[in-house]
C-alpha cells in the first residue's frame, strides 16, 4: 500500500447485550458497515438480517454454514469475516 492509503475490511461481530454467559446463545450482531443487525427470519439453516436502523442502503445479510454474506440493493454480494 502506498503512503496515505487505507483499506477497510468489513466484519461482523457478536454484540454483548445480555452478559458474556449468553454471548453465543443470542442472535445479537454488529456490522462494521451498518451497525447493529436485526433478524428478519427465523429459519434454522439460513438466518437473514438487516440493519436495525436503515440509512437507505438496504443491505441484507445472510448467515449460512458459519459464513456471512452481505447483499446490497443491486443484488451484488460480498463475503464478510467474523471478528
Protein backbone atom coordinates (compact mmCIF):
# COMPACT_ATOMS: atom_id res chain seq x y z
CA UNK A 1 0.00 0.00 0.00
CA UNK A 2 1.20 3.49 -0.77
CA UNK A 3 1.61 6.44 1.53
CA UNK A 4 -1.76 7.84 2.66
CA UNK A 5 -3.75 4.79 1.56
CA UNK A 6 -6.09 2.94 3.87
CA UNK A 7 -8.01 -0.27 3.47
CA UNK A 8 -11.13 -1.14 5.42
CA UNK A 9 -12.06 -4.78 5.77
CA UNK A 10 -15.73 -5.25 6.70
CA UNK A 11 -16.52 -7.52 9.62
CA UNK A 12 -19.39 -8.77 11.78
CA UNK A 13 -19.06 -9.37 15.47
CA UNK A 14 -21.32 -10.61 18.25
CA UNK A 15 -22.95 -7.93 20.36
CA UNK A 16 -22.95 -8.47 24.14
CA UNK A 17 -26.41 -7.34 25.29
CA UNK A 18 -27.32 -9.96 27.90
CA UNK A 19 -23.98 -10.81 29.51
CA UNK A 20 -21.00 -12.90 28.47
CA UNK A 21 -22.65 -16.12 29.69
CA UNK A 22 -25.26 -15.70 26.90
CA UNK A 23 -22.98 -14.32 24.17
CA UNK A 24 -23.18 -17.40 21.94
CA UNK A 25 -26.80 -18.27 22.77
CA UNK A 26 -28.27 -14.98 21.49
CA UNK A 27 -28.57 -13.61 17.94
CA UNK A 28 -27.21 -10.11 18.51
CA UNK A 29 -24.69 -8.97 15.88
CA UNK A 30 -22.99 -5.76 14.83
CA UNK A 31 -21.76 -4.99 11.30
CA UNK A 32 -18.89 -2.60 10.60
CA UNK A 33 -20.94 -1.36 7.62
CA UNK A 34 -24.48 -0.98 9.02
CA UNK A 35 -24.13 -1.11 12.80
CA UNK A 36 -26.47 -3.29 14.85
CA UNK A 37 -28.28 -6.00 12.88
CA UNK A 38 -31.84 -7.23 13.42
CA UNK A 39 -33.02 -10.69 12.43
CA UNK A 40 -35.54 -10.82 9.58
CA UNK A 41 -36.14 -14.59 9.53
CA UNK A 42 -36.42 -17.47 11.92
CA UNK A 43 -35.06 -20.19 9.64
CA UNK A 44 -32.64 -22.63 11.21
CA UNK A 45 -30.31 -23.24 8.26
CA UNK A 46 -30.05 -19.72 6.80
CA UNK A 47 -30.62 -16.74 9.05
CA UNK A 48 -31.18 -13.34 7.44
CA UNK A 49 -30.58 -9.95 9.00
CA UNK A 50 -30.94 -6.30 8.12
CA UNK A 51 -29.74 -3.06 9.65
CA UNK A 52 -31.64 -2.18 12.81
CA UNK A 53 -31.50 1.49 11.78
CA UNK A 54 -31.81 1.70 8.00
CA UNK A 55 -29.94 4.53 6.25
CA UNK A 56 -31.25 3.88 2.74
CA UNK A 57 -28.57 1.41 1.68
CA UNK A 58 -30.96 -1.58 2.14
CA UNK A 59 -28.15 -4.08 2.71
CA UNK A 60 -29.22 -7.55 3.78
CA UNK A 61 -27.11 -10.19 5.48
CA UNK A 62 -27.34 -13.98 5.50
CA UNK A 63 -25.56 -16.38 7.81
CA UNK A 64 -25.22 -19.93 6.46
CA UNK A 65 -22.71 -22.63 7.43
CA UNK A 66 -20.72 -20.13 9.52
CA UNK A 67 -20.31 -17.77 6.54
CA UNK A 68 -21.72 -14.24 6.40
CA UNK A 69 -22.79 -12.81 3.04
CA UNK A 70 -23.94 -9.24 2.53
CA UNK A 71 -26.19 -8.30 -0.39
CA UNK A 72 -26.65 -4.69 -1.49
CA UNK A 73 -29.84 -3.35 -3.07
CA UNK A 74 -28.50 -4.12 -6.58
CA UNK A 75 -28.08 -7.78 -5.62
CA UNK A 76 -24.27 -7.77 -5.51
CA UNK A 77 -22.76 -9.83 -2.73
CA UNK A 78 -19.61 -9.87 -0.63
CA UNK A 79 -18.41 -12.34 1.97
CA UNK A 80 -17.70 -10.87 5.38
CA UNK A 81 -15.43 -12.34 8.00
CA UNK A 82 -16.44 -12.77 11.63
CA UNK A 83 -14.43 -10.89 14.15
